[in-house]
Amino acid sequence: AAAVAVAAPAAGGGAAAGAAAEEKTEFTVVLAAAGENKVNVIKAVREVTSLGLKEAKDLVDGAP
């Protein structure tokens, strides 16, 4: 399965700290291997990237 890191909101700090910190909107994800649950990896790729089924499958199949 692919591991996808999701940033959690910072706890505490008040409104001033929240206004100063920018929300990260771009992430670098490396798909090292699909493993045995290729269907679940394809579903995760589709959800994260908004790709179609064929495009997501091709991306997962192209992983090492």
PDB file of N, CA and C in Angstrom:
ATOM      1  N   ALA A   1       0.840  -1.184   0.000  1.00  0.00           N
ATOM      2  CA  ALA A   1       0.000   0.000   0.000  1.00  0.00           C
ATOM      3  C   ALA A   1       0.879   1.239   0.000  1.00  0.00           C
ATOM      4  N   ALA A   2       0.371   2.295  -0.529  1.00  0.00           N
ATOM      5  CA  ALA A   2       1.122   3.543  -0.601  1.00  0.00           C
ATOM      6  C   ALA A   2       0.903   4.340   0.668  1.00  0.00           C
ATOM      7  N   ALA A   3       1.951   4.900   1.174  1.00  0.00           N
ATOM      8  CA  ALA A   3       1.853   5.752   2.345  1.00  0.00           C
ATOM      9  C   ALA A   3       1.722   7.189   1.875  1.00  0.00           C
ATOM     10  N   VAL A   4       0.695   7.858   2.367  1.00  0.00           N
ATOM     11  CA  VAL A   4       0.473   9.251   1.998  1.00  0.00           C
ATOM     12  C   VAL A   4       0.466  10.065   3.278  1.00  0.00           C
ATOM     13  N   ALA A   5       1.352  11.025   3.379  1.00  0.00           N
ATOM     14  CA  ALA A   5       1.426  11.880   4.554  1.00  0.00           C
ATOM     15  C   ALA A   5       0.435  13.021   4.412  1.00  0.00           C
ATOM     16  N   VAL A   6      -0.293  13.273   5.487  1.00  0.00           N
ATOM     17  CA  VAL A   6      -1.259  14.363   5.494  1.00  0.00           C
ATOM     18  C   VAL A   6      -0.902  15.281   6.653  1.00  0.00           C
ATOM     19  N   ALA A   7      -0.773  16.559   6.377  1.00  0.00           N
ATOM     20  CA  ALA A   7      -0.423  17.527   7.409  1.00  0.00           C
ATOM     21  C   ALA A   7      -1.631  17.805   8.289  1.00  0.00           C
ATOM     22  N   ALA A   8      -1.427  17.740   9.595  1.00  0.00           N
ATOM     23  CA  ALA A   8      -2.486  18.044  10.551  1.00  0.00           C
ATOM     24  C   ALA A   8      -2.353  19.501  10.970  1.00  0.00           C
ATOM     25  N   PRO A   9      -3.464  20.146  11.309  1.00  0.00           N
ATOM     26  CA  PRO A   9      -3.381  21.538  11.753  1.00  0.00           C
ATOM     27  C   PRO A   9      -2.596  21.646  13.059  1.00  0.00           C
ATOM     28  N   ALA A  10      -1.844  22.718  13.200  1.00  0.00           N
ATOM     29  CA  ALA A  10      -1.045  22.935  14.399  1.00  0.00           C
ATOM     30  C   ALA A  10      -1.953  23.226  15.586  1.00  0.00           C
ATOM     31  N   ALA A  11      -1.632  22.642  16.723  1.00  0.00           N
ATOM     32  CA  ALA A  11      -2.427  22.849  17.930  1.00  0.00           C
ATOM     33  C   ALA A  11      -1.920  24.088  18.660  1.00  0.00           C
ATOM     34  N   GLY A  12      -2.840  24.870  19.218  1.00  0.00           N
ATOM     35  CA  GLY A  12      -2.473  26.038  20.012  1.00  0.00           C
ATOM     36  C   GLY A  12      -1.922  27.162  19.161  1.00  0.00           C
ATOM     37  N   GLY A  13      -1.362  28.165  19.805  1.00  0.00           N
ATOM     38  CA  GLY A  13      -0.726  29.242  19.073  1.00  0.00           C
ATOM     39  C   GLY A  13      -1.630  30.426  18.830  1.00  0.00           C
ATOM     40  N   GLY A  14      -2.913  30.272  18.934  1.00  0.00           N
ATOM     41  CA  GLY A  14      -3.827  31.388  18.755  1.00  0.00           C
ATOM     42  C   GLY A  14      -4.005  31.801  17.314  1.00  0.00           C
ATOM     43  N   ALA A  15      -4.796  32.841  17.109  1.00  0.00           N
ATOM     44  CA  ALA A  15      -5.128  33.313  15.765  1.00  0.00           C
ATOM     45  C   ALA A  15      -3.928  33.950  15.073  1.00  0.00           C
ATOM     46  N   ALA A  16      -3.055  34.601  15.828  1.00  0.00           N
ATOM     47  CA  ALA A  16      -1.895  35.254  15.224  1.00  0.00           C
ATOM     48  C   ALA A  16      -0.971  34.232  14.573  1.00  0.00           C
ATOM     49  N   ALA A  17      -0.753  33.112  15.237  1.00  0.00           N
ATOM     50  CA  ALA A  17       0.113  32.074  14.674  1.00  0.00           C
ATOM     51  C   ALA A  17      -0.556  31.432  13.468  1.00  0.00           C
ATOM     52  N   GLY A  18      -1.866  31.259  13.513  1.00  0.00           N
ATOM     53  CA  GLY A  18      -2.591  30.659  12.397  1.00  0.00           C
ATOM     54  C   GLY A  18      -2.566  31.547  11.171  1.00  0.00           C
ATOM     55  N   ALA A  19      -2.628  32.850  11.354  1.00  0.00           N
ATOM     56  CA  ALA A  19      -2.611  33.774  10.228  1.00  0.00           C
ATOM     57  C   ALA A  19      -1.222  33.834   9.597  1.00  0.00           C
ATOM     58  N   ALA A  20      -0.183  33.676  10.412  1.00  0.00           N
ATOM     59  CA  ALA A  20       1.179  33.762   9.904  1.00  0.00           C
ATOM     60  C   ALA A  20       1.590  32.496   9.156  1.00  0.00           C
ATOM     61  N   ALA A  21       1.052  31.363   9.571  1.00  0.00           N
ATOM     62  CA  ALA A  21       1.426  30.093   8.939  1.00  0.00           C
ATOM     63  C   ALA A  21       0.564  29.858   7.707  1.00  0.00           C
ATOM     64  N   GLU A  22       1.227  29.469   6.608  1.00  0.00           N
ATOM     65  CA  GLU A  22       0.492  29.172   5.389  1.00  0.00           C
ATOM     66  C   GLU A  22       0.208  27.682   5.327  1.00  0.00           C
ATOM     67  N   GLU A  23      -0.959  27.339   4.817  1.00  0.00           N
ATOM     68  CA  GLU A  23      -1.310  25.934   4.668  1.00  0.00           C
ATOM     69  C   GLU A  23      -0.576  25.366   3.463  1.00  0.00           C
ATOM     70  N   LYS A  24       0.059  24.222   3.645  1.00  0.00           N
ATOM     71  CA  LYS A  24       0.794  23.580   2.562  1.00  0.00           C
ATOM     72  C   LYS A  24      -0.209  22.938   1.615  1.00  0.00           C
ATOM     73  N   THR A  25      -0.119  23.282   0.324  1.00  0.00           N
ATOM     74  CA  THR A  25      -1.075  22.768  -0.655  1.00  0.00           C
ATOM     75  C   THR A  25      -0.438  21.833  -1.668  1.00  0.00           C
ATOM     76  N   GLU A  26       0.883  21.739  -1.685  1.00  0.00           N
ATOM     77  CA  GLU A  26       1.572  20.856  -2.623  1.00  0.00           C
ATOM     78  C   GLU A  26       2.448  19.884  -1.855  1.00  0.00           C
ATOM     79  N   PHE A  27       2.410  18.625  -2.270  1.00  0.00           N
ATOM     80  CA  PHE A  27       3.175  17.583  -1.610  1.00  0.00           C
ATOM     81  C   PHE A  27       3.906  16.760  -2.658  1.00  0.00           C
ATOM     82  N   THR A  28       5.034  16.206  -2.279  1.00  0.00           N
ATOM     83  CA  THR A  28       5.765  15.287  -3.138  1.00  0.00           C
ATOM     84  C   THR A  28       5.508  13.882  -2.622  1.00  0.00           C
ATOM     85  N   VAL A  29       4.929  13.040  -3.469  1.00  0.00           N
ATOM     86  CA  VAL A  29       4.613  11.666  -3.096  1.00  0.00           C
ATOM     87  C   VAL A  29       5.411  10.737  -3.994  1.00  0.00           C
ATOM     88  N   VAL A  30       6.077   9.757  -3.387  1.00  0.00           N
ATOM     89  CA  VAL A  30       6.856   8.783  -4.141  1.00  0.00           C
ATOM     90  C   VAL A  30       6.184   7.427  -3.995  1.00  0.00           C
ATOM     91  N   LEU A  31       5.769   6.864  -5.114  1.00  0.00           N
ATOM     92  CA  LEU A  31       5.161   5.535  -5.115  1.00  0.00           C
ATOM     93  C   LEU A  31       6.272   4.538  -5.409  1.00  0.00           C
ATOM     94  N   ALA A  32       6.779   3.895  -4.358  1.00  0.00           N
ATOM     95  CA  ALA A  32       7.905   2.975  -4.509  1.00  0.00           C
ATOM     96  C   ALA A  32       7.457   1.636  -5.063  1.00  0.00           C
ATOM     97  N   ALA A  33       6.315   1.131  -4.607  1.00  0.00           N
ATOM     98  CA  ALA A  33       5.796  -0.149  -5.082  1.00  0.00           C
ATOM     99  C   ALA A  33       4.319  -0.238  -4.729  1.00  0.00           C
ATOM    100  N   ALA A  34       3.558  -0.923  -5.566  1.00  0.00           N
ATOM    101  CA  ALA A  34       2.126  -1.064  -5.326  1.00  0.00           C
ATOM    102  C   ALA A  34       1.826  -2.179  -4.340  1.00  0.00           C
ATOM    103  N   GLY A  35       2.721  -3.133  -4.202  1.00  0.00           N
ATOM    104  CA  GLY A  35       2.495  -4.238  -3.282  1.00  0.00           C
ATOM    105  C   GLY A  35       1.417  -5.171  -3.800  1.00  0.00           C
ATOM    106  N   GLU A  36       0.819  -5.932  -2.891  1.00  0.00           N
ATOM    107  CA  GLU A  36      -0.196  -6.911  -3.274  1.00  0.00           C
ATOM    108  C   GLU A  36      -1.582  -6.290  -3.403  1.00  0.00           C
ATOM    109  N   ASN A  37      -1.808  -5.132  -2.815  1.00  0.00           N
ATOM    110  CA  ASN A  37      -3.119  -4.479  -2.848  1.00  0.00           C
ATOM    111  C   ASN A  37      -3.142  -3.387  -3.901  1.00  0.00           C
ATOM    112  N   LYS A  38      -2.885  -3.748  -5.142  1.00  0.00           N
ATOM    113  CA  LYS A  38      -2.793  -2.771  -6.223  1.00  0.00           C
ATOM    114  C   LYS A  38      -4.099  -1.998  -6.399  1.00  0.00           C
ATOM    115  N   VAL A  39      -5.239  -2.668  -6.209  1.00  0.00           N
ATOM    116  CA  VAL A  39      -6.538  -2.008  -6.375  1.00  0.00           C
ATOM    117  C   VAL A  39      -6.680  -0.860  -5.380  1.00  0.00           C
ATOM    118  N   ASN A  40      -6.281  -1.083  -4.129  1.00  0.00           N
ATOM    119  CA  ASN A  40      -6.377  -0.028  -3.118  1.00  0.00           C
ATOM    120  C   ASN A  40      -5.433   1.130  -3.429  1.00  0.00           C
ATOM    121  N   VAL A  41      -4.275   0.821  -3.988  1.00  0.00           N
ATOM    122  CA  VAL A  41      -3.323   1.874  -4.361  1.00  0.00           C
ATOM    123  C   VAL A  41      -3.899   2.704  -5.500  1.00  0.00           C
ATOM    124  N   ILE A  42      -4.506   2.043  -6.481  1.00  0.00           N
ATOM    125  CA  ILE A  42      -5.127   2.764  -7.600  1.00  0.00           C
ATOM    126  C   ILE A  42      -6.234   3.673  -7.084  1.00  0.00           C
ATOM    127  N   LYS A  43      -7.047   3.180  -6.153  1.00  0.00           N
ATOM    128  CA  LYS A  43      -8.119   4.000  -5.571  1.00  0.00           C
ATOM    129  C   LYS A  43      -7.541   5.221  -4.856  1.00  0.00           C
ATOM    130  N   ALA A  44      -6.460   5.019  -4.099  1.00  0.00           N
ATOM    131  CA  ALA A  44      -5.839   6.133  -3.377  1.00  0.00           C
ATOM    132  C   ALA A  44      -5.259   7.155  -4.343  1.00  0.00           C
ATOM    133  N   VAL A  45      -4.618   6.680  -5.408  1.00  0.00           N
ATOM    134  CA  VAL A  45      -4.050   7.587  -6.411  1.00  0.00           C
ATOM    135  C   VAL A  45      -5.158   8.384  -7.075  1.00  0.00           C
ATOM    136  N   ARG A  46      -6.264   7.742  -7.398  1.00  0.00           N
ATOM    137  CA  ARG A  46      -7.391   8.448  -8.028  1.00  0.00           C
ATOM    138  C   ARG A  46      -7.942   9.520  -7.104  1.00  0.00           C
ATOM    139  N   GLU A  47      -8.058   9.194  -5.825  1.00  0.00           N
ATOM    140  CA  GLU A  47      -8.622  10.141  -4.858  1.00  0.00           C
ATOM    141  C   GLU A  47      -7.726  11.362  -4.675  1.00  0.00           C
ATOM    142  N   VAL A  48      -6.433  11.122  -4.578  1.00  0.00           N
ATOM    143  CA  VAL A  48      -5.494  12.213  -4.316  1.00  0.00           C
ATOM    144  C   VAL A  48      -5.267  13.079  -5.546  1.00  0.00           C
ATOM    145  N   THR A  49      -5.207  12.453  -6.730  1.00  0.00           N
ATOM    146  CA  THR A  49      -4.836  13.190  -7.933  1.00  0.00           C
ATOM    147  C   THR A  49      -6.009  13.584  -8.816  1.00  0.00           C
ATOM    148  N   SER A  50      -7.181  13.031  -8.575  1.00  0.00           N
ATOM    149  CA  SER A  50      -8.368  13.260  -9.413  1.00  0.00           C
ATOM    150  C   SER A  50      -8.168  12.741 -10.833  1.00  0.00           C
ATOM    151  N   LEU A  51      -7.309  11.729 -11.000  1.00  0.00           N
ATOM    152  CA  LEU A  51      -7.113  11.101 -12.302  1.00  0.00           C
ATOM    153  C   LEU A  51      -8.244  10.117 -12.575  1.00  0.00           C
ATOM    154  N   GLY A  52      -8.405   9.779 -13.831  1.00  0.00           N
ATOM    155  CA  GLY A  52      -9.361   8.755 -14.209  1.00  0.00           C
ATOM    156  C   GLY A  52      -8.802   7.380 -13.888  1.00  0.00           C
ATOM    157  N   LEU A  53      -9.645   6.357 -14.033  1.00  0.00           N
ATOM    158  CA  LEU A  53      -9.243   4.994 -13.702  1.00  0.00           C
ATOM    159  C   LEU A  53      -8.053   4.537 -14.536  1.00  0.00           C
ATOM    160  N   LYS A  54      -8.109   4.749 -15.841  1.00  0.00           N
ATOM    161  CA  LYS A  54      -7.029   4.292 -16.722  1.00  0.00           C
ATOM    162  C   LYS A  54      -5.725   5.014 -16.411  1.00  0.00           C
ATOM    163  N   GLU A  55      -5.786   6.318 -16.203  1.00  0.00           N
ATOM    164  CA  GLU A  55      -4.579   7.085 -15.920  1.00  0.00           C
ATOM    165  C   GLU A  55      -3.954   6.662 -14.591  1.00  0.00           C
ATOM    166  N   ALA A  56      -4.793   6.455 -13.565  1.00  0.00           N
ATOM    167  CA  ALA A  56      -4.285   6.029 -12.262  1.00  0.00           C
ATOM    168  C   ALA A  56      -3.684   4.633 -12.348  1.00  0.00           C
ATOM    169  N   LYS A  57      -4.332   3.733 -13.083  1.00  0.00           N
ATOM    170  CA  LYS A  57      -3.810   2.371 -13.250  1.00  0.00           C
ATOM    171  C   LYS A  57      -2.472   2.402 -13.973  1.00  0.00           C
ATOM    172  N   ASP A  58      -2.366   3.199 -15.022  1.00  0.00           N
ATOM    173  CA  ASP A  58      -1.106   3.312 -15.758  1.00  0.00           C
ATOM    174  C   ASP A  58       0.009   3.849 -14.859  1.00  0.00           C
ATOM    175  N   LEU A  59      -0.326   4.813 -14.013  1.00  0.00           N
ATOM    176  CA  LEU A  59       0.657   5.385 -13.097  1.00  0.00           C
ATOM    177  C   LEU A  59       1.146   4.335 -12.103  1.00  0.00           C
ATOM    178  N   VAL A  60       0.213   3.569 -11.533  1.00  0.00           N
ATOM    179  CA  VAL A  60       0.569   2.532 -10.564  1.00  0.00           C
ATOM    180  C   VAL A  60       1.342   1.408 -11.244  1.00  0.00           C
ATOM    181  N   ASP A  61       0.926   1.023 -12.442  1.00  0.00           N
ATOM    182  CA  ASP A  61       1.632  -0.034 -13.175  1.00  0.00           C
ATOM    183  C   ASP A  61       3.051   0.391 -13.536  1.00  0.00           C
ATOM    184  N   GLY A  62       3.284   1.668 -13.686  1.00  0.00           N
ATOM    185  CA  GLY A  62       4.602   2.172 -14.036  1.00  0.00           C
ATOM    186  C   GLY A  62       5.552   2.291 -12.856  1.00  0.00           C
ATOM    187  N   ALA A  63       5.039   2.060 -11.641  1.00  0.00           N
ATOM    188  CA  ALA A  63       5.893   2.131 -10.452  1.00  0.00           C
ATOM    189  C   ALA A  63       6.849   0.943 -10.430  1.00  0.00           C
ATOM    190  N   PRO A  64       8.016   1.138  -9.840  1.00  0.00           N
ATOM    191  CA  PRO A  64       8.999   0.036  -9.780  1.00  0.00           C
ATOM    192  C   PRO A  64       8.494  -1.161  -9.007  1.00  0.00           C
TER     193      PRO A  64
END
